[in-house]
Amino acid sequence: MNLEFQNPYASLFQDLMVQAKNQRASDVHIQPERDGVLIRFRVNGELVPFKWIADTHKISFLQEAKQLSQCSIGISGRAQDTRFSISELRLDIRVNLIPSLFGEKLVFRLLDQTRKFDLDSIGLEVTVKKALEKALNYGDGVCLLTGPTGSGKTTLLYSALAALDCQALNIVTIEDPIEYTFKGITQVQVSQKLSFGDSLRAMMRQDPDVILVGEVRDRETAELCFQAASTGHLVLSTLHANNSKEVVRRLQGLGIETDAIHSCLRFSSAQRLLSKICSHCSKLMDDEFMKKNKIEVYGSFKRRSQGCEHCERGLTGMLPIVEYIDWTEEGGEKNLTTLKELAIQKALKGEVDIADALTI
């Protein structure tokens, strides 16, 4: 997309993308309302109002946004998924459009192509990083990450890939969708014609050393992942489970035999992202708040403030909270520190708001 526009609605679209990039937004929401359009950015995990567009400009702006985001302007009343890039901003943008009561809503996922993935820079605790690196160095087996949408699983997966030697290893990925591209790695997009299972079977004939599967969704994919691991391949993937221990029960529910799990599973984790509070303006929590919210943990905890010159609304970024099990250690699951315990530890250090920590 070229950012040199004459159309005022196209210029407005350009401005909101530039501002979203500058504010490090992960998503942009263009939401039609009865009397106008609300534009919001998701920054540090929170939706923040950016601009309100009056009703007189609503239809024209929505049509322009729809066209510029590569959606078909000849289709209405139907969901659309598209993708486009803004080379000047080094942004790759995934688009979802759905019809709503007051017009078509657009949500953009912003993928900053200048972003670097590195296990040292994503905020992991040293113990988590070492356990994951240990699993990666095995050279075979299965590593599974769990967590809800937006919990940082993709970031951790890509950072794990970046820790591997792509020059010496044949690394392949099967994703839906592909979010970031990597030099030296073969990436395959799942489609209606090419499922995870089809891709995995084909990949096994491509002499892979490492296989990243975007998600283990069904029995077929789970079985193929463990077959690959049992024949000397390293498999990285995600799975729906509530915690790192539940991974085993989930795999058993997908038909994987217990012996195969114990033989091949190297690492499992569960994670969340919490907003990191500003060290300059955050405040100690008072007893009244403790009593009102029936908080029964002990220690000096901080809460976010309204913000200062060093932060945005009291926040300075996102922090991953990761519980993990090193399945290569005998009885590793017995030493598990849970997500909530880890979050409270972060709160004790003054890194996150205690109220956020207690929601985990």
Protein backbone atom coordinates (compact mmCIF):
# COMPACT_ATOMS: atom_id res chain seq x y z
CA MET A 1 0.00 0.00 0.00
CA ASN A 2 1.23 3.48 -0.87
CA LEU A 3 0.82 6.05 1.89
CA GLU A 4 0.63 9.06 -0.45
CA PHE A 5 -3.12 9.72 -0.53
CA GLN A 6 -5.18 12.70 -1.65
CA ASN A 7 -8.57 11.35 -0.54
CA PRO A 8 -9.30 12.70 2.98
CA TYR A 9 -10.73 9.36 4.14
CA ALA A 10 -7.67 7.54 2.83
CA SER A 11 -5.48 10.11 4.63
CA LEU A 12 -7.38 9.44 7.85
CA PHE A 13 -6.83 5.71 7.37
CA GLN A 14 -3.13 6.39 6.80
CA ASP A 15 -2.93 8.50 9.96
CA LEU A 16 -4.56 5.89 12.18
CA MET A 17 -2.12 3.22 10.92
CA VAL A 18 0.88 5.48 11.54
CA GLN A 19 -0.39 6.32 15.03
CA ALA A 20 -1.11 2.65 15.76
CA LYS A 21 2.47 1.75 14.81
CA ASN A 22 3.88 4.62 16.90
CA GLN A 23 1.84 3.57 19.91
CA ARG A 24 2.89 -0.09 19.49
CA ALA A 25 -0.72 -1.20 19.13
CA SER A 26 -1.31 -4.88 18.52
CA ASP A 27 -4.78 -4.36 17.03
CA VAL A 28 -6.94 -1.62 15.55
CA HIS A 29 -10.76 -1.75 15.89
CA ILE A 30 -12.94 0.24 13.49
CA GLN A 31 -16.37 -0.09 15.07
CA PRO A 32 -19.50 1.45 13.53
CA GLU A 33 -22.02 2.81 16.02
CA ARG A 34 -25.51 4.29 15.55
CA ASP A 35 -24.21 7.85 15.23
CA GLY A 36 -20.65 7.43 13.96
CA VAL A 37 -17.54 5.26 14.04
CA LEU A 38 -15.38 4.52 17.07
CA ILE A 39 -11.71 3.75 16.39
CA ARG A 40 -9.75 2.07 19.16
CA PHE A 41 -6.21 0.70 19.56
CA ARG A 42 -5.23 -2.25 21.72
CA VAL A 43 -2.13 -1.10 23.59
CA ASN A 44 -0.56 -3.05 26.45
CA GLY A 45 -3.53 -5.38 26.37
CA GLU A 46 -6.15 -2.64 26.73
CA LEU A 47 -8.49 -1.09 24.17
CA VAL A 48 -7.89 2.66 24.07
CA PRO A 49 -10.07 5.18 22.18
CA PHE A 50 -8.18 6.88 19.34
CA LYS A 51 -10.75 8.79 17.31
CA TRP A 52 -14.46 9.31 16.83
CA ILE A 53 -15.79 9.83 13.29
CA ALA A 54 -19.09 11.66 12.97
CA ASP A 55 -22.12 10.06 11.33
CA THR A 56 -21.87 12.32 8.25
CA HIS A 57 -18.53 10.67 7.36
CA LYS A 58 -19.37 7.15 8.53
CA ILE A 59 -20.31 5.42 5.26
CA SER A 60 -17.56 7.07 3.20
CA PHE A 61 -14.85 6.23 5.72
CA LEU A 62 -15.98 2.62 6.18
CA GLN A 63 -16.04 2.10 2.41
CA GLU A 64 -12.55 3.58 2.07
CA ALA A 65 -11.19 1.48 4.95
CA LYS A 66 -12.77 -1.61 3.46
CA GLN A 67 -11.23 -0.96 0.04
CA LEU A 68 -7.77 -0.08 1.37
CA SER A 69 -7.68 -3.24 3.48
CA GLN A 70 -8.21 -5.39 0.38
CA CYS A 71 -11.76 -6.43 1.32
CA SER A 72 -14.20 -6.83 -1.54
CA ILE A 73 -16.39 -3.71 -1.66
CA GLY A 74 -18.90 -5.63 -3.77
CA ILE A 75 -19.64 -8.03 -0.91
CA SER A 76 -21.79 -7.06 2.07
CA GLY A 77 -23.54 -8.96 4.82
CA ARG A 78 -20.76 -11.55 4.91
CA ALA A 79 -17.56 -12.00 6.93
CA GLN A 80 -14.27 -11.47 5.11
CA ASP A 81 -10.65 -12.23 5.97
CA THR A 82 -7.88 -10.46 4.06
CA ARG A 83 -4.29 -9.37 4.43
CA PHE A 84 -2.28 -6.41 3.20
CA SER A 85 1.04 -4.70 3.84
CA ILE A 86 2.24 -1.13 4.32
CA SER A 87 5.85 -1.24 3.17
CA GLU A 88 6.65 2.27 4.42
CA LEU A 89 5.72 1.25 7.97
CA ARG A 90 7.08 -2.31 7.67
CA LEU A 91 3.65 -3.57 8.75
CA ASP A 92 1.90 -6.73 7.64
CA ILE A 93 -1.78 -6.52 8.58
CA ARG A 94 -4.37 -9.27 8.99
CA VAL A 95 -7.94 -8.07 8.52
CA ASN A 96 -11.25 -9.48 9.69
CA LEU A 97 -14.55 -7.89 8.68
CA ILE A 98 -17.95 -8.83 10.07
CA PRO A 99 -21.37 -7.27 9.45
CA SER A 100 -22.84 -5.72 12.59
CA LEU A 101 -26.03 -3.87 13.49
CA PHE A 102 -24.71 -0.43 12.50
CA GLY A 103 -22.34 -1.38 9.70
CA GLU A 104 -19.33 -3.51 8.90
CA LYS A 105 -16.76 -3.74 11.69
CA LEU A 106 -13.09 -4.11 10.79
CA VAL A 107 -10.39 -5.42 13.11
CA PHE A 108 -6.74 -5.25 12.08
CA ARG A 109 -3.98 -7.36 13.66
CA LEU A 110 -0.73 -5.43 13.22
CA LEU A 111 2.36 -7.54 12.62
CA ASP A 112 5.51 -5.44 12.87
CA GLN A 113 7.97 -6.94 10.41
CA THR A 114 10.89 -5.20 12.16
CA ARG A 115 10.20 -7.19 15.31
CA LYS A 116 12.98 -9.46 16.55
CA PHE A 117 12.22 -12.76 18.25
CA ASP A 118 14.66 -13.72 20.96
CA LEU A 119 14.26 -15.81 24.12
CA ASP A 120 16.44 -13.29 25.98
CA SER A 121 14.26 -10.27 25.22
CA ILE A 122 10.64 -11.40 25.68
CA GLY A 123 10.60 -11.21 29.48
CA LEU A 124 10.90 -14.91 30.38
CA GLU A 125 12.10 -15.97 33.79
CA VAL A 126 15.56 -17.55 33.61
CA THR A 127 14.23 -20.93 34.79
CA VAL A 128 11.66 -21.05 31.98
CA LYS A 129 14.22 -20.08 29.36
CA LYS A 130 16.70 -22.71 30.52
CA ALA A 131 14.08 -25.48 30.63
CA LEU A 132 12.89 -24.64 27.10
CA GLU A 133 16.43 -24.45 25.75
CA LYS A 134 17.15 -27.83 27.34
CA ALA A 135 14.14 -29.32 25.54
CA LEU A 136 15.20 -27.75 22.24
CA ASN A 137 18.68 -29.15 22.61
CA TYR A 138 17.34 -32.69 22.87
CA GLY A 139 16.85 -32.58 19.13
CA ASP A 140 13.73 -34.73 19.24
CA GLY A 141 10.46 -34.99 21.14
CA VAL A 142 7.44 -32.72 21.55
CA CYS A 143 7.22 -29.28 23.19
CA LEU A 144 3.67 -28.01 23.75
CA LEU A 145 2.56 -24.52 24.74
CA THR A 146 -0.92 -23.73 26.04
CA GLY A 147 -2.79 -20.54 26.78
CA PRO A 148 -5.74 -18.48 25.50
CA THR A 149 -5.65 -16.28 22.41
CA GLY A 150 -3.42 -13.29 23.01
CA SER A 151 -1.34 -14.93 25.74
CA GLY A 152 1.94 -14.78 23.82
CA LYS A 153 2.18 -18.37 22.60
CA THR A 154 3.15 -17.36 19.05
CA THR A 155 5.85 -15.05 20.36
CA LEU A 156 7.32 -17.85 22.47
CA LEU A 157 7.12 -20.35 19.59
CA TYR A 158 8.84 -17.98 17.17
CA SER A 159 11.48 -17.09 19.77
CA ALA A 160 12.16 -20.79 20.24
CA LEU A 161 12.61 -21.13 16.47
CA ALA A 162 14.98 -18.16 16.46
CA ALA A 163 17.11 -19.94 19.08
CA LEU A 164 17.75 -22.82 16.65
CA ASP A 165 20.41 -22.92 13.96
CA CYS A 166 18.39 -22.61 10.75
CA GLN A 167 21.57 -22.94 8.67
CA ALA A 168 22.39 -26.38 10.04
CA LEU A 169 18.81 -27.61 10.50
CA ASN A 170 15.92 -28.11 8.11
CA ILE A 171 13.15 -26.25 9.94
CA VAL A 172 9.60 -26.31 8.59
CA THR A 173 6.41 -24.73 9.92
CA ILE A 174 2.73 -25.46 9.29
CA GLU A 175 0.65 -22.45 10.30
CA ASP A 176 -2.85 -21.04 10.09
CA PRO A 177 -2.19 -18.24 9.41
CA ILE A 178 1.49 -17.44 8.88
CA GLU A 179 2.09 -14.28 10.92
CA TYR A 180 5.81 -13.59 10.54
CA THR A 181 8.27 -14.82 7.93
CA PHE A 182 11.75 -16.16 8.68
CA LYS A 183 14.75 -16.42 6.41
CA GLY A 184 16.05 -19.97 6.08
CA ILE A 185 12.81 -21.58 7.31
CA THR A 186 10.18 -23.24 5.11
CA GLN A 187 6.71 -22.02 6.09
CA VAL A 188 3.48 -23.63 4.86
CA GLN A 189 0.04 -22.01 5.05
CA VAL A 190 -2.84 -24.32 5.96
CA SER A 191 -5.86 -24.00 3.67
CA GLN A 192 -9.07 -25.79 2.76
CA LYS A 193 -7.07 -27.81 0.26
CA LEU A 194 -4.14 -28.49 2.63
CA SER A 195 -4.93 -29.43 6.25
CA PHE A 196 -2.51 -29.73 9.17
CA GLY A 197 -2.55 -33.50 8.72
CA ASP A 198 -1.91 -33.34 4.97
CA SER A 199 0.92 -30.86 5.50
CA LEU A 200 2.52 -32.95 8.23
CA ARG A 201 2.49 -36.11 6.14
CA ALA A 202 4.05 -34.23 3.22
CA MET A 203 6.63 -32.55 5.47
CA MET A 204 7.86 -35.89 6.74
CA ARG A 205 9.10 -36.58 3.21
CA GLN A 206 11.02 -33.29 3.19
CA ASP A 207 13.79 -34.52 5.52
CA PRO A 208 12.89 -32.16 8.42
CA ASP A 209 14.86 -31.75 11.63
CA VAL A 210 12.38 -29.43 13.35
CA ILE A 211 8.64 -29.11 12.70
CA LEU A 212 6.49 -26.32 14.07
CA VAL A 213 2.76 -27.06 13.94
CA GLY A 214 0.61 -24.02 14.67
CA GLU A 215 -1.92 -25.97 16.73
CA VAL A 216 -2.74 -29.56 17.62
CA ARG A 217 -6.46 -29.45 16.89
CA ASP A 218 -7.46 -33.07 16.43
CA ARG A 219 -6.49 -36.70 16.86
CA GLU A 220 -4.87 -37.01 13.44
CA THR A 221 -2.54 -34.06 14.03
CA ALA A 222 -1.66 -35.24 17.54
CA GLU A 223 -0.81 -38.75 16.31
CA LEU A 224 1.33 -37.42 13.46
CA CYS A 225 3.22 -35.09 15.83
CA PHE A 226 4.09 -37.94 18.18
CA GLN A 227 4.99 -40.23 15.29
CA ALA A 228 7.38 -37.57 14.02
CA ALA A 229 8.87 -37.13 17.51
CA SER A 230 9.34 -40.88 17.96
CA THR A 231 11.35 -41.05 14.73
CA GLY A 232 13.89 -38.41 15.77
CA HIS A 233 12.25 -35.09 14.96
CA LEU A 234 11.72 -32.08 17.23
CA VAL A 235 8.09 -30.91 17.17
CA LEU A 236 6.88 -27.57 18.56
CA SER A 237 3.19 -26.80 18.80
CA THR A 238 0.30 -25.38 20.83
CA LEU A 239 -2.62 -27.14 22.45
CA HIS A 240 -5.84 -26.16 24.19
CA ALA A 241 -5.43 -26.95 27.90
CA ASN A 242 -5.99 -25.02 31.11
CA ASN A 243 -2.50 -25.59 32.50
CA SER A 244 0.78 -27.35 31.81
CA LYS A 245 -0.24 -30.47 33.76
CA GLU A 246 -3.48 -30.86 31.86
CA VAL A 247 -1.52 -31.31 28.63
CA VAL A 248 -1.16 -35.02 29.39
CA ARG A 249 -4.91 -35.54 29.93
CA ARG A 250 -5.66 -33.56 26.78
CA LEU A 251 -3.30 -35.72 24.73
CA GLN A 252 -4.80 -38.87 26.17
CA GLY A 253 -8.22 -37.54 25.18
CA LEU A 254 -6.90 -37.17 21.63
CA GLY A 255 -5.93 -40.83 21.61
CA ILE A 256 -2.19 -40.61 22.33
CA GLU A 257 -1.03 -43.58 24.42
CA THR A 258 0.43 -42.81 27.83
CA ASP A 259 3.71 -44.59 26.99
CA ALA A 260 4.14 -42.42 23.89
CA ILE A 261 3.49 -39.27 25.93
CA HIS A 262 6.06 -40.21 28.58
CA SER A 263 8.55 -41.19 25.89
CA CYS A 264 8.23 -38.12 23.65
CA LEU A 265 6.94 -35.15 25.68
CA ARG A 266 9.85 -32.89 26.65
CA PHE A 267 8.26 -29.62 27.76
CA SER A 268 4.81 -28.22 28.40
CA SER A 269 3.79 -24.76 29.49
CA ALA A 270 0.79 -22.55 30.17
CA GLN A 271 0.97 -18.80 29.93
CA ARG A 272 -0.78 -15.48 30.23
CA LEU A 273 0.19 -11.90 29.48
CA LEU A 274 -0.16 -9.25 32.17
CA SER A 275 0.28 -5.52 31.77
CA LYS A 276 3.53 -4.26 33.26
CA ILE A 277 3.01 -1.30 35.58
CA CYS A 278 5.23 1.77 35.59
CA SER A 279 7.98 1.70 38.21
CA HIS A 280 7.92 5.52 38.43
CA CYS A 281 4.27 6.23 39.19
CA SER A 282 2.72 3.00 40.51
CA LYS A 283 1.44 3.22 44.08
CA LEU A 284 1.35 0.93 47.07
CA MET A 285 -2.03 -0.67 47.61
CA ASP A 286 -3.91 0.47 50.70
CA ASP A 287 -5.69 -1.67 53.30
CA GLU A 288 -9.11 -0.37 52.24
CA PHE A 289 -8.67 -1.83 48.76
CA MET A 290 -7.51 -5.12 50.31
CA LYS A 291 -10.63 -5.38 52.47
CA LYS A 292 -13.04 -4.24 49.77
CA ASN A 293 -11.75 -6.87 47.33
CA LYS A 294 -11.29 -9.56 50.00
CA ILE A 295 -7.63 -9.99 49.13
CA GLU A 296 -6.04 -12.46 51.51
CA VAL A 297 -2.45 -12.48 50.28
CA TYR A 298 0.28 -10.87 52.31
CA GLY A 299 3.01 -8.47 51.26
CA SER A 300 3.51 -5.00 49.82
CA PHE A 301 1.73 -4.80 46.49
CA LYS A 302 1.48 -1.99 43.97
CA ARG A 303 -1.32 -0.75 41.76
CA ARG A 304 -1.08 1.18 38.51
CA SER A 305 -1.61 4.93 38.51
CA GLN A 306 -3.08 7.23 35.86
CA GLY A 307 0.31 7.56 34.20
CA CYS A 308 3.33 9.82 33.99
CA GLU A 309 5.96 10.96 31.48
CA HIS A 310 7.55 7.51 31.56
CA CYS A 311 4.47 5.46 30.64
CA GLU A 312 1.09 5.23 28.96
CA ARG A 313 -1.77 5.30 31.48
CA GLY A 314 0.46 3.66 34.11
CA LEU A 315 1.63 0.81 31.86
CA THR A 316 4.96 0.16 30.13
CA GLY A 317 4.40 -3.07 28.20
CA MET A 318 3.35 -6.69 28.59
CA LEU A 319 4.92 -9.38 30.74
CA PRO A 320 4.59 -13.13 30.12
CA ILE A 321 3.62 -15.30 33.07
CA VAL A 322 4.68 -18.86 32.23
CA GLU A 323 4.27 -22.03 34.28
CA TYR A 324 6.09 -25.01 32.86
CA ILE A 325 6.94 -28.66 33.36
CA ASP A 326 10.29 -30.14 32.35
CA TRP A 327 9.16 -33.68 31.49
CA THR A 328 12.78 -34.79 31.11
CA GLU A 329 13.14 -34.47 34.89
CA GLU A 330 11.79 -37.30 37.03
CA GLY A 331 8.72 -36.01 38.83
CA GLY A 332 9.10 -32.59 37.24
CA GLU A 333 5.36 -31.93 37.53
CA LYS A 334 5.52 -32.20 41.34
CA ASN A 335 7.62 -29.04 41.55
CA LEU A 336 5.19 -26.96 39.50
CA THR A 337 4.73 -23.31 40.43
CA THR A 338 1.25 -22.36 39.21
CA LEU A 339 0.31 -19.39 37.07
CA LYS A 340 -1.40 -17.64 39.98
CA GLU A 341 1.61 -18.15 42.25
CA LEU A 342 3.90 -16.80 39.56
CA ALA A 343 1.64 -13.78 38.99
CA ILE A 344 1.61 -12.96 42.70
CA GLN A 345 5.40 -13.21 42.75
CA LYS A 346 5.49 -10.65 39.94
CA ALA A 347 3.12 -8.45 41.93
CA LEU A 348 5.36 -8.70 45.00
CA LYS A 349 8.23 -7.43 42.86
CA GLY A 350 6.08 -4.44 41.83
CA GLU A 351 6.06 -5.49 38.17
CA VAL A 352 2.30 -6.07 37.77
CA ASP A 353 -0.85 -4.80 39.45
CA ILE A 354 -1.97 -7.17 42.22
CA ALA A 355 -5.58 -6.84 41.02
CA ASP A 356 -4.50 -8.18 37.59
CA ALA A 357 -2.43 -10.95 39.15
CA LEU A 358 -5.41 -12.21 41.12
CA THR A 359 -7.56 -12.58 38.00
CA ILE A 360 -5.39 -15.47 36.76
